[in-house]
Amino acid sequence: MKKLSLFIVVVALAAGCGSFPSTDGLERESIIELADRYFQDGKYRQASFLYTELMFRYPGDIQTDLFLLRSGLADREMKLWADAEFYLYRVVNEFPAGPWSDDAQFALAETMWMQRRDYRRDQTQVIRAREEAIRFLNDYPSSELRSEAEVLLVNINDHLAKRSLFIGKFYSRRNETDAALLYLRDALDSYGETSCRGAVLIAIGDLYRSVHNTYSAQTYYNRALEDCELTPDEEEEALKGLRELE
């Protein structure tokens, strides 16, 4: 019987090559095996079709959360972002105690991060990714995916800090000191240790120097030099700022 089932799956794979696979005559286990094989082979269109068919054929199936997760991941690979999020949210919201809820929550954060744009443009999806990553870390403290989520959050924070630094410098060039300081402080205080921390401290030093606040300017230049691993250009910029205060 096992050999017959495998034969049917192979035939279905061949018949469905380049199109939607046929499931005529296949039982539940054979459809699952076929869907999994398509998924593992990177044939996400066919895999998504089969996981959806499984959910329609077997409502309330014990593996519904897995079918939803795989559907979401398959749609994500095809950049069907809204469909991917729909399926992943269903896993998190409908099966919060299930074995795949942490995978789905992490996948949500990843999916939104994958839609990021240059930090000088709209960051709605990156902000959403940050919210979902924080939710993952809060809700699944023992998940095996925790270390990956922490790395993801670091990358997200770095991206958003660069965004705030960019906007802060924009306002600084236009002598809008209050707005500039607001964004530069956001870059410094809201995202932990980031790769642009030294640049942020220097930018705040420049801003205070421009309004003749010598003490604060010196403080931020020195913090950049003492606390951060600066590039040669950044180090020279901080030292130049200090020299101009003399």
Protein backbone atom coordinates (compact mmCIF):
# COMPACT_ATOMS: atom_id res chain seq x y z
CA MET A 1 0.00 0.00 0.00
CA LYS A 2 2.89 2.34 0.83
CA LYS A 3 4.49 1.68 -2.56
CA LEU A 4 1.18 2.37 -4.31
CA SER A 5 0.79 5.66 -2.43
CA LEU A 6 4.31 6.71 -3.38
CA PHE A 7 3.64 5.79 -7.01
CA ILE A 8 0.51 7.96 -7.03
CA VAL A 9 2.45 10.88 -5.55
CA VAL A 10 5.16 10.57 -8.21
CA VAL A 11 2.54 10.46 -10.95
CA ALA A 12 0.83 13.52 -9.47
CA LEU A 13 4.14 15.37 -9.38
CA ALA A 14 4.77 14.58 -13.02
CA ALA A 15 1.24 15.51 -14.04
CA GLY A 16 1.39 18.76 -12.11
CA CYS A 17 4.79 19.90 -13.38
CA GLY A 18 4.49 23.58 -14.32
CA SER A 19 0.79 23.70 -13.39
CA PHE A 20 -1.51 22.92 -10.49
CA PRO A 21 -1.07 19.28 -9.43
CA SER A 22 -3.89 16.79 -9.68
CA THR A 23 -5.04 15.17 -6.44
CA ASP A 24 -7.58 12.82 -7.99
CA GLY A 25 -7.51 9.52 -6.12
CA LEU A 26 -5.17 10.79 -3.41
CA GLU A 27 -5.92 10.36 0.28
CA ARG A 28 -4.99 12.86 2.98
CA GLU A 29 -1.51 11.49 3.74
CA SER A 30 -0.58 11.38 0.07
CA ILE A 31 -1.69 14.98 -0.48
CA ILE A 32 0.36 16.07 2.54
CA GLU A 33 3.39 14.22 1.19
CA LEU A 34 2.91 15.79 -2.22
CA ALA A 35 2.49 19.29 -0.77
CA ASP A 36 5.58 18.87 1.42
CA ARG A 37 7.63 17.70 -1.54
CA TYR A 38 6.60 20.69 -3.64
CA PHE A 39 7.40 23.00 -0.72
CA GLN A 40 10.84 21.49 -0.16
CA ASP A 41 11.58 21.68 -3.90
CA GLY A 42 10.77 25.39 -3.94
CA LYS A 43 7.62 24.96 -6.05
CA TYR A 44 5.66 27.29 -3.85
CA ARG A 45 2.71 27.93 -6.16
CA GLN A 46 1.84 24.24 -6.26
CA ALA A 47 2.56 23.77 -2.55
CA SER A 48 0.27 26.65 -1.59
CA PHE A 49 -2.48 25.22 -3.77
CA LEU A 50 -2.23 21.82 -2.07
CA TYR A 51 -2.12 23.14 1.50
CA THR A 52 -5.21 25.22 0.72
CA GLU A 53 -6.94 22.16 -0.70
CA LEU A 54 -6.09 20.20 2.44
CA MET A 55 -7.75 22.86 4.58
CA PHE A 56 -10.90 22.76 2.46
CA ARG A 57 -11.04 18.97 2.28
CA TYR A 58 -10.30 18.38 5.95
CA PRO A 59 -11.65 21.30 8.01
CA GLY A 60 -10.51 21.10 11.61
CA ASP A 61 -7.63 18.78 10.73
CA ILE A 62 -5.10 18.24 13.51
CA GLN A 63 -2.40 19.74 11.27
CA THR A 64 -4.34 22.81 10.15
CA ASP A 65 -1.86 25.13 11.86
CA LEU A 66 0.98 23.55 9.88
CA PHE A 67 -0.98 23.86 6.63
CA LEU A 68 -1.57 27.55 7.39
CA LEU A 69 2.09 28.12 8.24
CA ARG A 70 3.33 26.44 5.07
CA SER A 71 0.77 28.35 2.99
CA GLY A 72 2.01 31.61 4.48
CA LEU A 73 5.66 30.76 3.89
CA ALA A 74 4.95 29.66 0.31
CA ASP A 75 3.06 32.88 -0.43
CA ARG A 76 5.90 34.88 1.12
CA GLU A 77 8.39 33.27 -1.24
CA MET A 78 6.17 34.41 -4.10
CA LYS A 79 6.04 37.91 -2.57
CA LEU A 80 2.30 37.66 -2.02
CA TRP A 81 2.76 39.66 1.14
CA ALA A 82 -0.87 40.21 2.16
CA ASP A 83 -1.75 36.53 1.68
CA ALA A 84 1.33 35.46 3.62
CA GLU A 85 0.48 37.72 6.55
CA PHE A 86 -3.14 36.50 6.53
CA TYR A 87 -2.12 32.86 6.95
CA LEU A 88 0.60 33.57 9.51
CA TYR A 89 -1.70 35.71 11.65
CA ARG A 90 -4.23 32.87 11.59
CA VAL A 91 -1.67 30.51 13.10
CA VAL A 92 -0.76 32.98 15.85
CA ASN A 93 -4.33 34.00 16.66
CA GLU A 94 -6.19 30.71 16.21
CA PHE A 95 -3.53 28.32 17.52
CA PRO A 96 -1.64 30.33 20.17
CA ALA A 97 -0.72 27.21 22.15
CA GLY A 98 0.10 25.12 19.08
CA PRO A 99 3.56 23.82 18.17
CA TRP A 100 3.90 26.23 15.24
CA SER A 101 2.78 29.51 16.80
CA ASP A 102 6.31 30.71 17.54
CA ASP A 103 7.41 29.85 14.00
CA ALA A 104 4.49 31.85 12.63
CA GLN A 105 5.15 34.83 14.91
CA PHE A 106 8.81 34.92 13.91
CA ALA A 107 7.84 34.51 10.25
CA LEU A 108 5.53 37.53 10.57
CA ALA A 109 8.40 39.72 11.76
CA GLU A 110 10.63 38.36 8.99
CA THR A 111 7.94 38.87 6.35
CA MET A 112 7.52 42.53 7.24
CA TRP A 113 11.29 43.03 7.39
CA MET A 114 11.60 41.50 3.92
CA GLN A 115 9.38 44.33 2.64
CA ARG A 116 11.68 47.06 3.96
CA ARG A 117 12.61 50.02 1.81
CA ASP A 118 15.60 52.33 1.87
CA TYR A 119 15.70 54.10 5.25
CA ARG A 120 15.09 57.43 3.51
CA ARG A 121 11.65 56.26 2.41
CA ASP A 122 8.47 55.10 4.15
CA GLN A 123 9.23 52.71 7.03
CA THR A 124 5.76 51.40 7.87
CA GLN A 125 6.68 47.76 7.28
CA VAL A 126 9.91 48.06 9.26
CA ILE A 127 8.03 49.54 12.21
CA ARG A 128 5.54 46.67 11.98
CA ALA A 129 8.43 44.19 11.82
CA ARG A 130 9.83 45.68 15.02
CA GLU A 131 6.48 45.34 16.78
CA GLU A 132 6.17 41.70 15.73
CA ALA A 133 9.76 40.88 16.71
CA ILE A 134 9.24 42.40 20.17
CA ARG A 135 5.98 40.48 20.48
CA PHE A 136 7.84 37.28 19.63
CA LEU A 137 10.51 37.91 22.28
CA ASN A 138 7.85 38.71 24.89
CA ASP A 139 5.50 35.83 24.09
CA TYR A 140 7.97 33.03 23.33
CA PRO A 141 10.91 33.40 25.75
CA SER A 142 11.86 29.70 25.45
CA SER A 143 11.59 29.37 21.67
CA GLU A 144 14.50 27.87 19.77
CA LEU A 145 14.13 30.81 17.37
CA ARG A 146 14.88 33.39 20.07
CA SER A 147 18.50 34.02 19.06
CA GLU A 148 17.43 34.57 15.44
CA ALA A 149 14.72 36.98 16.59
CA GLU A 150 17.25 38.93 18.65
CA VAL A 151 19.50 39.30 15.61
CA LEU A 152 16.52 40.38 13.52
CA LEU A 153 15.56 43.02 16.09
CA VAL A 154 19.13 44.38 16.12
CA ASN A 155 19.00 44.77 12.33
CA ILE A 156 15.59 46.44 12.50
CA ASN A 157 16.72 48.85 15.22
CA ASP A 158 19.83 49.71 13.23
CA HIS A 159 17.72 50.51 10.17
CA LEU A 160 15.33 52.74 12.11
CA ALA A 161 18.17 54.53 13.90
CA LYS A 162 19.69 55.40 10.52
CA ARG A 163 16.29 56.74 9.50
CA SER A 164 16.12 59.04 12.53
CA LEU A 165 19.74 60.13 12.00
CA PHE A 166 18.97 60.99 8.38
CA ILE A 167 15.92 63.08 9.35
CA GLY A 168 17.80 64.74 12.21
CA LYS A 169 20.57 65.85 9.87
CA PHE A 170 17.96 67.06 7.39
CA TYR A 171 16.47 69.41 9.98
CA SER A 172 19.89 70.41 11.27
CA ARG A 173 20.94 71.62 7.81
CA ARG A 174 17.84 73.81 7.81
CA ASN A 175 18.63 75.24 11.26
CA GLU A 176 15.51 73.69 12.77
CA THR A 177 17.25 72.83 16.00
CA ASP A 178 14.36 71.47 18.04
CA ALA A 179 13.18 69.10 15.31
CA ALA A 180 16.75 68.00 14.61
CA LEU A 181 17.42 67.25 18.27
CA LEU A 182 14.15 65.33 18.58
CA TYR A 183 15.12 62.89 15.82
CA LEU A 184 18.76 62.63 16.83
CA ARG A 185 17.76 61.82 20.42
CA ASP A 186 15.37 59.21 19.06
CA ALA A 187 18.23 57.61 17.10
CA LEU A 188 20.39 57.64 20.22
CA ASP A 189 17.91 56.52 22.88
CA SER A 190 15.26 54.34 21.23
CA TYR A 191 17.18 51.56 19.50
CA GLY A 192 19.96 50.39 21.80
CA GLU A 193 23.47 49.87 20.45
CA THR A 194 23.52 50.50 16.71
CA SER A 195 26.18 50.72 14.02
CA CYS A 196 25.47 54.45 13.60
CA ARG A 197 25.71 55.38 17.29
CA GLY A 198 29.00 57.21 16.82
CA ALA A 199 27.60 59.17 13.88
CA VAL A 200 24.57 60.13 15.97
CA LEU A 201 26.72 61.41 18.85
CA ILE A 202 28.81 63.46 16.42
CA ALA A 203 25.69 64.88 14.78
CA ILE A 204 24.36 65.96 18.20
CA GLY A 205 27.75 67.53 18.94
CA ASP A 206 27.58 69.42 15.64
CA LEU A 207 24.07 70.59 16.47
CA TYR A 208 25.05 71.95 19.89
CA ARG A 209 28.14 73.59 18.41
CA SER A 210 25.94 75.37 15.85
CA VAL A 211 23.96 77.00 18.69
CA HIS A 212 27.13 77.80 20.68
CA ASN A 213 26.47 75.30 23.46
CA THR A 214 30.14 74.48 23.97
CA TYR A 215 29.78 72.21 27.00
CA SER A 216 27.15 69.94 25.42
CA ALA A 217 29.02 69.85 22.11
CA GLN A 218 32.24 68.76 23.85
CA THR A 219 30.34 66.14 25.83
CA TYR A 220 28.90 64.45 22.75
CA TYR A 221 32.10 64.63 20.71
CA ASN A 222 34.01 63.03 23.58
CA ARG A 223 31.35 60.35 24.03
CA ALA A 224 31.72 59.44 20.38
CA LEU A 225 35.50 59.23 20.67
CA GLU A 226 35.53 57.32 23.95
CA ASP A 227 32.53 55.00 23.66
CA CYS A 228 32.26 54.11 19.97
CA GLU A 229 34.30 52.36 17.32
CA LEU A 230 34.46 55.18 14.80
CA THR A 231 35.55 55.03 11.21
CA PRO A 232 38.64 57.16 10.40
CA ASP A 233 36.37 59.78 8.82
CA GLU A 234 34.08 59.87 11.86
CA GLU A 235 37.03 60.17 14.22
CA GLU A 236 38.42 63.09 12.22
CA GLU A 237 34.99 64.73 12.19
CA ALA A 238 34.71 64.51 15.99
CA LEU A 239 38.24 65.83 16.50
CA LYS A 240 37.60 68.66 14.06
CA GLY A 241 34.47 69.60 16.00
CA LEU A 242 36.47 69.74 19.23
CA ARG A 243 39.17 71.88 17.62
CA GLU A 244 36.60 74.36 16.38
CA LEU A 245 35.32 74.77 19.93
CA GLU A 246 38.71 75.96 21.18
